[in-house]
């Protein structure tokens, strides 16, 4: 029986990951690296991203880093007692870069480069 407001996760294909990455907006944040870096590296990580997603789905394990977010309400102006005058800003653990003190986009590039080198050294892209 399927409930009307339910959804099902299904395996994803490389061409779908390619399309998703291609449609990302450059001015948005992501976990660990700027979108522009993800787009530049997509041909190198496409197969691995697809594999990680599908394996996560198969075994039913989602990395803890993807489950945690700190949400801070930011005042947009107006009546401070009206919840509609706030917008939520989500900070994804220590991996949020770009607008946090001491976490520049240059550091994000350095970190993803180190992570990719480590993954290559440990043959994680095979």
PDB file of N, CA and C in Angstrom:
ATOM      1  N   UNK A   1       0.835  -1.181   0.000  1.00  0.00           N
ATOM      2  CA  UNK A   1       0.000   0.000   0.000  1.00  0.00           C
ATOM      3  C   UNK A   1       0.887   1.255   0.000  1.00  0.00           C
ATOM      4  N   UNK A   2       0.614   2.172  -0.888  1.00  0.00           N
ATOM      5  CA  UNK A   2       1.357   3.426  -0.968  1.00  0.00           C
ATOM      6  C   UNK A   2       0.522   4.557  -0.388  1.00  0.00           C
ATOM      7  N   UNK A   3       1.130   5.310   0.517  1.00  0.00           N
ATOM      8  CA  UNK A   3       0.445   6.458   1.098  1.00  0.00           C
ATOM      9  C   UNK A   3       0.559   7.647   0.153  1.00  0.00           C
ATOM     10  N   UNK A   4      -0.470   8.485   0.073  1.00  0.00           N
ATOM     11  CA  UNK A   4      -0.458   9.591  -0.893  1.00  0.00           C
ATOM     12  C   UNK A   4       0.656  10.614  -0.663  1.00  0.00           C
ATOM     13  N   UNK A   5       1.113  10.799   0.564  1.00  0.00           N
ATOM     14  CA  UNK A   5       2.151  11.787   0.851  1.00  0.00           C
ATOM     15  C   UNK A   5       3.509  11.153   1.111  1.00  0.00           C
ATOM     16  N   UNK A   6       3.729   9.932   0.638  1.00  0.00           N
ATOM     17  CA  UNK A   6       4.993   9.246   0.860  1.00  0.00           C
ATOM     18  C   UNK A   6       5.881   9.370  -0.379  1.00  0.00           C
ATOM     19  N   UNK A   7       7.130   8.994  -0.220  1.00  0.00           N
ATOM     20  CA  UNK A   7       8.050   8.992  -1.346  1.00  0.00           C
ATOM     21  C   UNK A   7       8.996   7.816  -1.199  1.00  0.00           C
ATOM     22  N   UNK A   8       9.626   7.432  -2.282  1.00  0.00           N
ATOM     23  CA  UNK A   8      10.533   6.293  -2.296  1.00  0.00           C
ATOM     24  C   UNK A   8      11.860   6.749  -2.899  1.00  0.00           C
ATOM     25  N   UNK A   9      12.952   6.379  -2.238  1.00  0.00           N
ATOM     26  CA  UNK A   9      14.263   6.623  -2.815  1.00  0.00           C
ATOM     27  C   UNK A   9      14.558   5.513  -3.807  1.00  0.00           C
ATOM     28  N   UNK A  10      15.148   5.859  -4.920  1.00  0.00           N
ATOM     29  CA  UNK A  10      15.523   4.862  -5.916  1.00  0.00           C
ATOM     30  C   UNK A  10      16.974   5.095  -6.304  1.00  0.00           C
ATOM     31  N   UNK A  11      17.617   4.080  -6.858  1.00  0.00           N
ATOM     32  CA  UNK A  11      18.997   4.288  -7.324  1.00  0.00           C
ATOM     33  C   UNK A  11      19.048   5.414  -8.351  1.00  0.00           C
ATOM     34  N   UNK A  12      20.196   6.037  -8.437  1.00  0.00           N
ATOM     35  CA  UNK A  12      20.380   7.150  -9.361  1.00  0.00           C
ATOM     36  C   UNK A  12      21.434   6.762 -10.398  1.00  0.00           C
ATOM     37  N   UNK A  13      21.340   7.333 -11.571  1.00  0.00           N
ATOM     38  CA  UNK A  13      22.267   7.039 -12.658  1.00  0.00           C
ATOM     39  C   UNK A  13      23.223   8.208 -12.858  1.00  0.00           C
ATOM     40  N   UNK A  14      24.394   7.891 -13.428  1.00  0.00           N
ATOM     41  CA  UNK A  14      25.419   8.916 -13.622  1.00  0.00           C
ATOM     42  C   UNK A  14      24.907  10.118 -14.408  1.00  0.00           C
ATOM     43  N   UNK A  15      24.107   9.888 -15.432  1.00  0.00           N
ATOM     44  CA  UNK A  15      23.610  11.023 -16.223  1.00  0.00           C
ATOM     45  C   UNK A  15      22.699  11.930 -15.378  1.00  0.00           C
ATOM     46  N   UNK A  16      22.013  11.359 -14.391  1.00  0.00           N
ATOM     47  CA  UNK A  16      21.177  12.175 -13.505  1.00  0.00           C
ATOM     48  C   UNK A  16      22.043  13.029 -12.581  1.00  0.00           C
ATOM     49  N   UNK A  17      23.123  12.445 -12.056  1.00  0.00           N
ATOM     50  CA  UNK A  17      24.045  13.203 -11.210  1.00  0.00           C
ATOM     51  C   UNK A  17      24.677  14.316 -12.035  1.00  0.00           C
ATOM     52  N   UNK A  18      25.041  14.016 -13.270  1.00  0.00           N
ATOM     53  CA  UNK A  18      25.608  15.020 -14.176  1.00  0.00           C
ATOM     54  C   UNK A  18      24.641  16.190 -14.353  1.00  0.00           C
ATOM     55  N   UNK A  19      23.373  15.873 -14.586  1.00  0.00           N
ATOM     56  CA  UNK A  19      22.365  16.923 -14.776  1.00  0.00           C
ATOM     57  C   UNK A  19      22.151  17.744 -13.504  1.00  0.00           C
ATOM     58  N   UNK A  20      22.125  17.063 -12.353  1.00  0.00           N
ATOM     59  CA  UNK A  20      21.935  17.761 -11.078  1.00  0.00           C
ATOM     60  C   UNK A  20      23.082  18.732 -10.834  1.00  0.00           C
ATOM     61  N   UNK A  21      24.305  18.273 -11.025  1.00  0.00           N
ATOM     62  CA  UNK A  21      25.469  19.142 -10.823  1.00  0.00           C
ATOM     63  C   UNK A  21      25.430  20.307 -11.803  1.00  0.00           C
ATOM     64  N   UNK A  22      25.083  20.033 -13.043  1.00  0.00           N
ATOM     65  CA  UNK A  22      25.011  21.085 -14.052  1.00  0.00           C
ATOM     66  C   UNK A  22      23.983  22.152 -13.745  1.00  0.00           C
ATOM     67  N   UNK A  23      22.925  21.785 -13.042  1.00  0.00           N
ATOM     68  CA  UNK A  23      21.854  22.731 -12.714  1.00  0.00           C
ATOM     69  C   UNK A  23      22.054  23.468 -11.395  1.00  0.00           C
ATOM     70  N   UNK A  24      23.118  23.140 -10.654  1.00  0.00           N
ATOM     71  CA  UNK A  24      23.377  23.834  -9.393  1.00  0.00           C
ATOM     72  C   UNK A  24      23.726  25.292  -9.652  1.00  0.00           C
ATOM     73  N   UNK A  25      23.274  26.167  -8.771  1.00  0.00           N
ATOM     74  CA  UNK A  25      23.580  27.591  -8.887  1.00  0.00           C
ATOM     75  C   UNK A  25      24.926  27.859  -8.221  1.00  0.00           C
ATOM     76  N   UNK A  26      25.789  28.590  -8.906  1.00  0.00           N
ATOM     77  CA  UNK A  26      27.140  28.859  -8.405  1.00  0.00           C
ATOM     78  C   UNK A  26      27.163  29.626  -7.095  1.00  0.00           C
ATOM     79  N   UNK A  27      26.122  30.376  -6.792  1.00  0.00           N
ATOM     80  CA  UNK A  27      26.130  31.202  -5.585  1.00  0.00           C
ATOM     81  C   UNK A  27      25.573  30.467  -4.364  1.00  0.00           C
ATOM     82  N   UNK A  28      25.313  29.174  -4.480  1.00  0.00           N
ATOM     83  CA  UNK A  28      24.790  28.393  -3.361  1.00  0.00           C
ATOM     84  C   UNK A  28      25.931  27.667  -2.648  1.00  0.00           C
ATOM     85  N   UNK A  29      25.693  27.336  -1.380  1.00  0.00           N
ATOM     86  CA  UNK A  29      26.684  26.633  -0.571  1.00  0.00           C
ATOM     87  C   UNK A  29      26.490  25.134  -0.684  1.00  0.00           C
ATOM     88  N   UNK A  30      27.519  24.406  -0.344  1.00  0.00           N
ATOM     89  CA  UNK A  30      27.461  22.956  -0.301  1.00  0.00           C
ATOM     90  C   UNK A  30      28.375  22.460   0.799  1.00  0.00           C
ATOM     91  N   UNK A  31      28.345  21.191   1.051  1.00  0.00           N
ATOM     92  CA  UNK A  31      29.171  20.615   2.109  1.00  0.00           C
ATOM     93  C   UNK A  31      30.605  20.472   1.599  1.00  0.00           C
ATOM     94  N   UNK A  32      31.522  21.225   2.172  1.00  0.00           N
ATOM     95  CA  UNK A  32      32.936  21.032   1.925  1.00  0.00           C
ATOM     96  C   UNK A  32      33.567  21.770   0.774  1.00  0.00           C
ATOM     97  N   UNK A  33      32.816  22.211  -0.224  1.00  0.00           N
ATOM     98  CA  UNK A  33      33.447  22.894  -1.346  1.00  0.00           C
ATOM     99  C   UNK A  33      32.444  23.770  -2.077  1.00  0.00           C
ATOM    100  N   UNK A  34      32.942  24.840  -2.686  1.00  0.00           N
ATOM    101  CA  UNK A  34      32.043  25.703  -3.454  1.00  0.00           C
ATOM    102  C   UNK A  34      31.471  24.970  -4.666  1.00  0.00           C
ATOM    103  N   UNK A  35      30.280  25.337  -5.078  1.00  0.00           N
ATOM    104  CA  UNK A  35      29.618  24.711  -6.219  1.00  0.00           C
ATOM    105  C   UNK A  35      30.499  24.790  -7.466  1.00  0.00           C
ATOM    106  N   UNK A  36      31.173  25.901  -7.646  1.00  0.00           N
ATOM    107  CA  UNK A  36      32.025  26.046  -8.836  1.00  0.00           C
ATOM    108  C   UNK A  36      33.084  24.949  -8.893  1.00  0.00           C
ATOM    109  N   UNK A  37      33.662  24.600  -7.742  1.00  0.00           N
ATOM    110  CA  UNK A  37      34.658  23.527  -7.687  1.00  0.00           C
ATOM    111  C   UNK A  37      34.029  22.178  -8.018  1.00  0.00           C
ATOM    112  N   UNK A  38      32.820  21.957  -7.503  1.00  0.00           N
ATOM    113  CA  UNK A  38      32.118  20.710  -7.791  1.00  0.00           C
ATOM    114  C   UNK A  38      31.863  20.603  -9.294  1.00  0.00           C
ATOM    115  N   UNK A  39      31.442  21.701  -9.901  1.00  0.00           N
ATOM    116  CA  UNK A  39      31.181  21.687 -11.340  1.00  0.00           C
ATOM    117  C   UNK A  39      32.457  21.429 -12.148  1.00  0.00           C
ATOM    118  N   UNK A  40      33.564  22.050 -11.724  1.00  0.00           N
ATOM    119  CA  UNK A  40      34.827  21.843 -12.432  1.00  0.00           C
ATOM    120  C   UNK A  40      35.332  20.410 -12.301  1.00  0.00           C
ATOM    121  N   UNK A  41      35.031  19.771 -11.184  1.00  0.00           N
ATOM    122  CA  UNK A  41      35.525  18.419 -10.921  1.00  0.00           C
ATOM    123  C   UNK A  41      34.510  17.330 -11.268  1.00  0.00           C
ATOM    124  N   UNK A  42      33.351  17.708 -11.797  1.00  0.00           N
ATOM    125  CA  UNK A  42      32.274  16.729 -11.948  1.00  0.00           C
ATOM    126  C   UNK A  42      32.647  15.521 -12.793  1.00  0.00           C
ATOM    127  N   UNK A  43      33.436  15.693 -13.834  1.00  0.00           N
ATOM    128  CA  UNK A  43      33.824  14.546 -14.659  1.00  0.00           C
ATOM    129  C   UNK A  43      34.688  13.551 -13.892  1.00  0.00           C
ATOM    130  N   UNK A  44      35.400  14.027 -12.885  1.00  0.00           N
ATOM    131  CA  UNK A  44      36.288  13.176 -12.109  1.00  0.00           C
ATOM    132  C   UNK A  44      35.583  12.495 -10.939  1.00  0.00           C
ATOM    133  N   UNK A  45      34.496  13.075 -10.461  1.00  0.00           N
ATOM    134  CA  UNK A  45      33.829  12.536  -9.277  1.00  0.00           C
ATOM    135  C   UNK A  45      32.437  11.978  -9.569  1.00  0.00           C
ATOM    136  N   UNK A  46      31.975  12.108 -10.783  1.00  0.00           N
ATOM    137  CA  UNK A  46      30.633  11.681 -11.158  1.00  0.00           C
ATOM    138  C   UNK A  46      30.368  10.215 -10.814  1.00  0.00           C
ATOM    139  N   UNK A  47      31.249   9.347 -11.231  1.00  0.00           N
ATOM    140  CA  UNK A  47      31.088   7.914 -10.990  1.00  0.00           C
ATOM    141  C   UNK A  47      31.095   7.611  -9.489  1.00  0.00           C
ATOM    142  N   UNK A  48      32.004   8.247  -8.756  1.00  0.00           N
ATOM    143  CA  UNK A  48      32.109   8.009  -7.314  1.00  0.00           C
ATOM    144  C   UNK A  48      30.895   8.529  -6.561  1.00  0.00           C
ATOM    145  N   UNK A  49      30.406   9.728  -6.923  1.00  0.00           N
ATOM    146  CA  UNK A  49      29.216  10.274  -6.263  1.00  0.00           C
ATOM    147  C   UNK A  49      28.008   9.367  -6.472  1.00  0.00           C
ATOM    148  N   UNK A  50      27.863   8.868  -7.673  1.00  0.00           N
ATOM    149  CA  UNK A  50      26.756   7.963  -7.988  1.00  0.00           C
ATOM    150  C   UNK A  50      26.874   6.685  -7.163  1.00  0.00           C
ATOM    151  N   UNK A  51      28.082   6.148  -7.095  1.00  0.00           N
ATOM    152  CA  UNK A  51      28.324   4.916  -6.340  1.00  0.00           C
ATOM    153  C   UNK A  51      28.055   5.109  -4.848  1.00  0.00           C
ATOM    154  N   UNK A  52      28.535   6.208  -4.274  1.00  0.00           N
ATOM    155  CA  UNK A  52      28.326   6.477  -2.849  1.00  0.00           C
ATOM    156  C   UNK A  52      26.838   6.602  -2.539  1.00  0.00           C
ATOM    157  N   UNK A  53      26.105   7.344  -3.367  1.00  0.00           N
ATOM    158  CA  UNK A  53      24.664   7.507  -3.145  1.00  0.00           C
ATOM    159  C   UNK A  53      23.961   6.153  -3.191  1.00  0.00           C
ATOM    160  N   UNK A  54      24.231   5.386  -4.230  1.00  0.00           N
ATOM    161  CA  UNK A  54      23.539   4.112  -4.398  1.00  0.00           C
ATOM    162  C   UNK A  54      23.924   3.108  -3.312  1.00  0.00           C
ATOM    163  N   UNK A  55      25.185   3.096  -2.891  1.00  0.00           N
ATOM    164  CA  UNK A  55      25.586   2.201  -1.807  1.00  0.00           C
ATOM    165  C   UNK A  55      24.940   2.619  -0.485  1.00  0.00           C
ATOM    166  N   UNK A  56      24.860   3.916  -0.252  1.00  0.00           N
ATOM    167  CA  UNK A  56      24.194   4.417   0.946  1.00  0.00           C
ATOM    168  C   UNK A  56      22.740   3.956   0.968  1.00  0.00           C
ATOM    169  N   UNK A  57      22.112   4.021  -0.178  1.00  0.00           N
ATOM    170  CA  UNK A  57      20.722   3.591  -0.311  1.00  0.00           C
ATOM    171  C   UNK A  57      20.593   2.084  -0.088  1.00  0.00           C
ATOM    172  N   UNK A  58      21.514   1.312  -0.665  1.00  0.00           N
ATOM    173  CA  UNK A  58      21.474  -0.149  -0.548  1.00  0.00           C
ATOM    174  C   UNK A  58      21.618  -0.625   0.894  1.00  0.00           C
ATOM    175  N   UNK A  59      22.549  -0.027   1.627  1.00  0.00           N
ATOM    176  CA  UNK A  59      22.811  -0.498   2.995  1.00  0.00           C
ATOM    177  C   UNK A  59      21.998   0.253   4.042  1.00  0.00           C
ATOM    178  N   UNK A  60      21.337   1.332   3.636  1.00  0.00           N
ATOM    179  CA  UNK A  60      20.494   2.078   4.561  1.00  0.00           C
ATOM    180  C   UNK A  60      21.256   2.946   5.536  1.00  0.00           C
ATOM    181  N   UNK A  61      22.456   3.341   5.154  1.00  0.00           N
ATOM    182  CA  UNK A  61      23.273   4.183   6.015  1.00  0.00           C
ATOM    183  C   UNK A  61      23.494   5.529   5.343  1.00  0.00           C
ATOM    184  N   UNK A  62      23.193   6.593   6.071  1.00  0.00           N
ATOM    185  CA  UNK A  62      23.435   7.950   5.585  1.00  0.00           C
ATOM    186  C   UNK A  62      24.528   8.542   6.469  1.00  0.00           C
ATOM    187  N   UNK A  63      25.596   9.076   5.871  1.00  0.00           N
ATOM    188  CA  UNK A  63      26.670   9.656   6.688  1.00  0.00           C
ATOM    189  C   UNK A  63      26.126  10.716   7.642  1.00  0.00           C
ATOM    190  N   UNK A  64      26.625  10.687   8.885  1.00  0.00           N
ATOM    191  CA  UNK A  64      26.163  11.630   9.905  1.00  0.00           C
ATOM    192  C   UNK A  64      26.278  13.077   9.462  1.00  0.00           C
ATOM    193  N   UNK A  65      27.311  13.395   8.674  1.00  0.00           N
ATOM    194  CA  UNK A  65      27.519  14.782   8.230  1.00  0.00           C
ATOM    195  C   UNK A  65      26.333  15.296   7.425  1.00  0.00           C
ATOM    196  N   UNK A  66      25.585  14.400   6.789  1.00  0.00           N
ATOM    197  CA  UNK A  66      24.437  14.818   5.987  1.00  0.00           C
ATOM    198  C   UNK A  66      23.146  14.892   6.797  1.00  0.00           C
ATOM    199  N   UNK A  67      23.218  14.588   8.087  1.00  0.00           N
ATOM    200  CA  UNK A  67      22.031  14.596   8.934  1.00  0.00           C
ATOM    201  C   UNK A  67      21.960  15.798   9.871  1.00  0.00           C
ATOM    202  N   UNK A  68      23.032  16.552   9.987  1.00  0.00           N
ATOM    203  CA  UNK A  68      23.116  17.598  10.993  1.00  0.00           C
ATOM    204  C   UNK A  68      23.193  18.969  10.348  1.00  0.00           C
ATOM    205  N   UNK A  69      22.430  19.893  10.874  1.00  0.00           N
ATOM    206  CA  UNK A  69      22.474  21.268  10.406  1.00  0.00           C
ATOM    207  C   UNK A  69      22.072  22.189  11.540  1.00  0.00           C
ATOM    208  N   UNK A  70      22.770  23.297  11.679  1.00  0.00           N
ATOM    209  CA  UNK A  70      22.409  24.310  12.670  1.00  0.00           C
ATOM    210  C   UNK A  70      21.644  25.399  11.925  1.00  0.00           C
ATOM    211  N   UNK A  71      20.407  25.659  12.333  1.00  0.00           N
ATOM    212  CA  UNK A  71      19.562  26.654  11.668  1.00  0.00           C
ATOM    213  C   UNK A  71      19.503  27.904  12.547  1.00  0.00           C
ATOM    214  N   UNK A  72      19.847  29.033  11.941  1.00  0.00           N
ATOM    215  CA  UNK A  72      19.834  30.319  12.638  1.00  0.00           C
ATOM    216  C   UNK A  72      18.822  31.230  11.960  1.00  0.00           C
ATOM    217  N   UNK A  73      17.862  31.789  12.703  1.00  0.00           N
ATOM    218  CA  UNK A  73      16.914  32.730  12.089  1.00  0.00           C
ATOM    219  C   UNK A  73      17.567  34.101  11.895  1.00  0.00           C
ATOM    220  N   UNK A  74      17.471  34.640  10.696  1.00  0.00           N
ATOM    221  CA  UNK A  74      18.041  35.945  10.366  1.00  0.00           C
ATOM    222  C   UNK A  74      16.889  36.926  10.127  1.00  0.00           C
ATOM    223  N   UNK A  75      16.926  38.034  10.838  1.00  0.00           N
ATOM    224  CA  UNK A  75      15.874  39.058  10.750  1.00  0.00           C
ATOM    225  C   UNK A  75      15.920  39.737   9.383  1.00  0.00           C
ATOM    226  N   UNK A  76      14.791  39.751   8.678  1.00  0.00           N
ATOM    227  CA  UNK A  76      14.690  40.420   7.383  1.00  0.00           C
ATOM    228  C   UNK A  76      14.195  41.851   7.526  1.00  0.00           C
ATOM    229  N   UNK A  77      13.881  42.248   8.750  1.00  0.00           N
ATOM    230  CA  UNK A  77      13.328  43.585   8.981  1.00  0.00           C
ATOM    231  C   UNK A  77      11.845  43.496   9.267  1.00  0.00           C
ATOM    232  N   UNK A  78      11.336  44.499   9.890  1.00  0.00           N
ATOM    233  CA  UNK A  78       9.910  44.510  10.228  1.00  0.00           C
ATOM    234  C   UNK A  78       9.679  44.086  11.664  1.00  0.00           C
ATOM    235  N   UNK A  79       8.477  43.643  11.933  1.00  0.00           N
ATOM    236  CA  UNK A  79       8.057  43.259  13.277  1.00  0.00           C
ATOM    237  C   UNK A  79       8.843  42.034  13.748  1.00  0.00           C
ATOM    238  N   UNK A  80       9.618  42.193  14.832  1.00  0.00           N
ATOM    239  CA  UNK A  80      10.455  41.092  15.318  1.00  0.00           C
ATOM    240  C   UNK A  80       9.639  39.962  15.945  1.00  0.00           C
ATOM    241  N   UNK A  81       8.365  40.194  16.210  1.00  0.00           N
ATOM    242  CA  UNK A  81       7.523  39.140  16.772  1.00  0.00           C
ATOM    243  C   UNK A  81       6.834  38.305  15.689  1.00  0.00           C
ATOM    244  N   UNK A  82       6.980  38.714  14.434  1.00  0.00           N
ATOM    245  CA  UNK A  82       6.365  37.993  13.319  1.00  0.00           C
ATOM    246  C   UNK A  82       7.391  37.015  12.725  1.00  0.00           C
ATOM    247  N   UNK A  83       7.105  35.726  12.844  1.00  0.00           N
ATOM    248  CA  UNK A  83       8.023  34.695  12.353  1.00  0.00           C
ATOM    249  C   UNK A  83       8.298  34.817  10.855  1.00  0.00           C
ATOM    250  N   UNK A  84       7.383  35.408  10.108  1.00  0.00           N
ATOM    251  CA  UNK A  84       7.564  35.558   8.658  1.00  0.00           C
ATOM    252  C   UNK A  84       8.646  36.586   8.323  1.00  0.00           C
ATOM    253  N   UNK A  85       9.087  37.373   9.294  1.00  0.00           N
ATOM    254  CA  UNK A  85      10.138  38.364   9.068  1.00  0.00           C
ATOM    255  C   UNK A  85      11.533  37.796   9.304  1.00  0.00           C
ATOM    256  N   UNK A  86      11.635  36.478   9.378  1.00  0.00           N
ATOM    257  CA  UNK A  86      12.925  35.809   9.555  1.00  0.00           C
ATOM    258  C   UNK A  86      13.126  34.798   8.440  1.00  0.00           C
ATOM    259  N   UNK A  87      14.373  34.635   8.044  1.00  0.00           N
ATOM    260  CA  UNK A  87      14.677  33.575   7.085  1.00  0.00           C
ATOM    261  C   UNK A  87      15.689  32.647   7.735  1.00  0.00           C
ATOM    262  N   UNK A  88      15.521  31.355   7.522  1.00  0.00           N
ATOM    263  CA  UNK A  88      16.441  30.404   8.145  1.00  0.00           C
ATOM    264  C   UNK A  88      17.746  30.291   7.348  1.00  0.00           C
ATOM    265  N   UNK A  89      18.842  30.310   8.052  1.00  0.00           N
ATOM    266  CA  UNK A  89      20.150  30.063   7.455  1.00  0.00           C
ATOM    267  C   UNK A  89      20.665  28.771   8.065  1.00  0.00           C
ATOM    268  N   UNK A  90      20.964  27.815   7.224  1.00  0.00           N
ATOM    269  CA  UNK A  90      21.428  26.512   7.685  1.00  0.00           C
ATOM    270  C   UNK A  90      22.944  26.443   7.569  1.00  0.00           C
ATOM    271  N   UNK A  91      23.614  26.135   8.663  1.00  0.00           N
ATOM    272  CA  UNK A  91      25.058  25.948   8.683  1.00  0.00           C
ATOM    273  C   UNK A  91      25.308  24.459   8.851  1.00  0.00           C
ATOM    274  N   UNK A  92      25.945  23.857   7.873  1.00  0.00           N
ATOM    275  CA  UNK A  92      26.160  22.418   7.869  1.00  0.00           C
ATOM    276  C   UNK A  92      27.487  22.063   8.539  1.00  0.00           C
ATOM    277  N   UNK A  93      27.465  21.952   9.851  1.00  0.00           N
ATOM    278  CA  UNK A  93      28.646  21.550  10.649  1.00  0.00           C
ATOM    279  C   UNK A  93      29.834  22.433  10.363  1.00  0.00           C
ATOM    280  N   UNK A  94      31.032  21.853  10.435  1.00  0.00           N
ATOM    281  CA  UNK A  94      32.259  22.620  10.227  1.00  0.00           C
ATOM    282  C   UNK A  94      32.581  22.765   8.746  1.00  0.00           C
ATOM    283  N   UNK A  95      31.763  22.227   7.865  1.00  0.00           N
ATOM    284  CA  UNK A  95      32.078  22.225   6.444  1.00  0.00           C
ATOM    285  C   UNK A  95      31.466  23.385   5.669  1.00  0.00           C
ATOM    286  N   UNK A  96      30.897  24.343   6.347  1.00  0.00           N
ATOM    287  CA  UNK A  96      30.311  25.505   5.681  1.00  0.00           C
ATOM    288  C   UNK A  96      31.411  26.535   5.443  1.00  0.00           C
ATOM    289  N   UNK A  97      31.597  26.934   4.214  1.00  0.00           N
ATOM    290  CA  UNK A  97      32.635  27.890   3.855  1.00  0.00           C
ATOM    291  C   UNK A  97      32.025  29.133   3.219  1.00  0.00           C
ATOM    292  N   UNK A  98      32.842  30.150   3.062  1.00  0.00           N
ATOM    293  CA  UNK A  98      32.470  31.305   2.254  1.00  0.00           C
ATOM    294  C   UNK A  98      32.017  32.515   3.013  1.00  0.00           C
ATOM    295  N   UNK A  99      31.181  32.366   4.013  1.00  0.00           N
ATOM    296  CA  UNK A  99      30.696  33.537   4.729  1.00  0.00           C
ATOM    297  C   UNK A  99      30.872  33.411   6.234  1.00  0.00           C
ATOM    298  N   UNK A 100      31.577  32.369   6.675  1.00  0.00           N
ATOM    299  CA  UNK A 100      31.846  32.198   8.100  1.00  0.00           C
ATOM    300  C   UNK A 100      33.238  32.719   8.422  1.00  0.00           C
ATOM    301  N   UNK A 101      33.388  33.292   9.584  1.00  0.00           N
ATOM    302  CA  UNK A 101      34.674  33.821  10.014  1.00  0.00           C
ATOM    303  C   UNK A 101      35.700  32.685  10.067  1.00  0.00           C
ATOM    304  N   UNK A 102      36.829  32.904   9.391  1.00  0.00           N
ATOM    305  CA  UNK A 102      37.898  31.917   9.392  1.00  0.00           C
ATOM    306  C   UNK A 102      37.671  30.730   8.471  1.00  0.00           C
ATOM    307  N   UNK A 103      36.636  30.772   7.633  1.00  0.00           N
ATOM    308  CA  UNK A 103      36.336  29.663   6.710  1.00  0.00           C
ATOM    309  C   UNK A 103      36.128  30.224   5.303  1.00  0.00           C
ATOM    310  N   UNK A 104      37.222  30.575   4.644  1.00  0.00           N
ATOM    311  CA  UNK A 104      37.146  31.210   3.329  1.00  0.00           C
ATOM    312  C   UNK A 104      36.935  30.178   2.222  1.00  0.00           C
ATOM    313  N   UNK A 105      36.565  30.662   1.044  1.00  0.00           N
ATOM    314  CA  UNK A 105      36.421  29.767  -0.101  1.00  0.00           C
ATOM    315  C   UNK A 105      37.769  29.190  -0.510  1.00  0.00           C
ATOM    316  N   UNK A 106      38.846  29.943  -0.268  1.00  0.00           N
ATOM    317  CA  UNK A 106      40.182  29.414  -0.554  1.00  0.00           C
ATOM    318  C   UNK A 106      40.470  28.196   0.317  1.00  0.00           C
ATOM    319  N   UNK A 107      40.043  28.242   1.573  1.00  0.00           N
ATOM    320  CA  UNK A 107      40.217  27.091   2.454  1.00  0.00           C
ATOM    321  C   UNK A 107      39.384  25.901   1.972  1.00  0.00           C
ATOM    322  N   UNK A 108      38.218  26.181   1.439  1.00  0.00           N
ATOM    323  CA  UNK A 108      37.375  25.107   0.907  1.00  0.00           C
ATOM    324  C   UNK A 108      38.068  24.422  -0.260  1.00  0.00           C
ATOM    325  N   UNK A 109      38.669  25.204  -1.140  1.00  0.00           N
ATOM    326  CA  UNK A 109      39.379  24.639  -2.286  1.00  0.00           C
ATOM    327  C   UNK A 109      40.556  23.799  -1.811  1.00  0.00           C
ATOM    328  N   UNK A 110      41.296  24.301  -0.833  1.00  0.00           N
ATOM    329  CA  UNK A 110      42.430  23.554  -0.289  1.00  0.00           C
ATOM    330  C   UNK A 110      41.966  22.247   0.345  1.00  0.00           C
ATOM    331  N   UNK A 111      40.857  22.291   1.077  1.00  0.00           N
ATOM    332  CA  UNK A 111      40.355  21.090   1.744  1.00  0.00           C
ATOM    333  C   UNK A 111      39.871  20.043   0.752  1.00  0.00           C
ATOM    334  N   UNK A 112      39.133  20.460  -0.271  1.00  0.00           N
ATOM    335  CA  UNK A 112      38.663  19.470  -1.248  1.00  0.00           C
ATOM    336  C   UNK A 112      39.832  18.900  -2.047  1.00  0.00           C
ATOM    337  N   UNK A 113      40.831  19.725  -2.317  1.00  0.00           N
ATOM    338  CA  UNK A 113      42.018  19.230  -3.013  1.00  0.00           C
ATOM    339  C   UNK A 113      42.718  18.171  -2.169  1.00  0.00           C
ATOM    340  N   UNK A 114      42.881  18.437  -0.882  1.00  0.00           N
ATOM    341  CA  UNK A 114      43.491  17.457   0.024  1.00  0.00           C
ATOM    342  C   UNK A 114      42.661  16.178   0.090  1.00  0.00           C
ATOM    343  N   UNK A 115      41.334  16.329   0.157  1.00  0.00           N
ATOM    344  CA  UNK A 115      40.454  15.155   0.218  1.00  0.00           C
ATOM    345  C   UNK A 115      40.535  14.333  -1.067  1.00  0.00           C
ATOM    346  N   UNK A 116      40.579  15.003  -2.208  1.00  0.00           N
ATOM    347  CA  UNK A 116      40.689  14.285  -3.483  1.00  0.00           C
ATOM    348  C   UNK A 116      42.037  13.584  -3.602  1.00  0.00           C
ATOM    349  N   UNK A 117      43.118  14.262  -3.205  1.00  0.00           N
ATOM    350  CA  UNK A 117      44.443  13.615  -3.234  1.00  0.00           C
ATOM    351  C   UNK A 117      44.474  12.387  -2.343  1.00  0.00           C
ATOM    352  N   UNK A 118      43.903  12.514  -1.155  1.00  0.00           N
ATOM    353  CA  UNK A 118      43.861  11.383  -0.223  1.00  0.00           C
ATOM    354  C   UNK A 118      43.056  10.224  -0.809  1.00  0.00           C
ATOM    355  N   UNK A 119      41.925  10.545  -1.415  1.00  0.00           N
ATOM    356  CA  UNK A 119      41.088   9.505  -2.020  1.00  0.00           C
ATOM    357  C   UNK A 119      41.816   8.817  -3.168  1.00  0.00           C
ATOM    358  N   UNK A 120      42.531   9.584  -3.976  1.00  0.00           N
ATOM    359  CA  UNK A 120      43.294   9.004  -5.090  1.00  0.00           C
ATOM    360  C   UNK A 120      44.416   8.135  -4.552  1.00  0.00           C
ATOM    361  N   UNK A 121      45.129   8.643  -3.529  1.00  0.00           N
ATOM    362  CA  UNK A 121      46.222   7.874  -2.914  1.00  0.00           C
ATOM    363  C   UNK A 121      45.737   6.557  -2.321  1.00  0.00           C
ATOM    364  N   UNK A 122      44.523   6.548  -1.808  1.00  0.00           N
ATOM    365  CA  UNK A 122      43.960   5.349  -1.195  1.00  0.00           C
ATOM    366  C   UNK A 122      43.095   4.538  -2.150  1.00  0.00           C
ATOM    367  N   UNK A 123      43.166   4.874  -3.442  1.00  0.00           N
ATOM    368  CA  UNK A 123      42.423   4.165  -4.492  1.00  0.00           C
ATOM    369  C   UNK A 123      40.928   4.095  -4.227  1.00  0.00           C
ATOM    370  N   UNK A 124      40.348   5.195  -3.749  1.00  0.00           N
ATOM    371  CA  UNK A 124      38.925   5.211  -3.471  1.00  0.00           C
ATOM    372  C   UNK A 124      38.077   5.522  -4.704  1.00  0.00           C
ATOM    373  N   UNK A 125      38.709   5.860  -5.815  1.00  0.00           N
ATOM    374  CA  UNK A 125      37.952   6.182  -7.031  1.00  0.00           C
ATOM    375  C   UNK A 125      37.917   5.029  -8.026  1.00  0.00           C
ATOM    376  N   UNK A 126      38.216   3.840  -7.569  1.00  0.00           N
ATOM    377  CA  UNK A 126      38.218   2.691  -8.491  1.00  0.00           C
ATOM    378  C   UNK A 126      36.909   1.979  -8.485  1.00  0.00           C
TER     379      UNK A 126
END
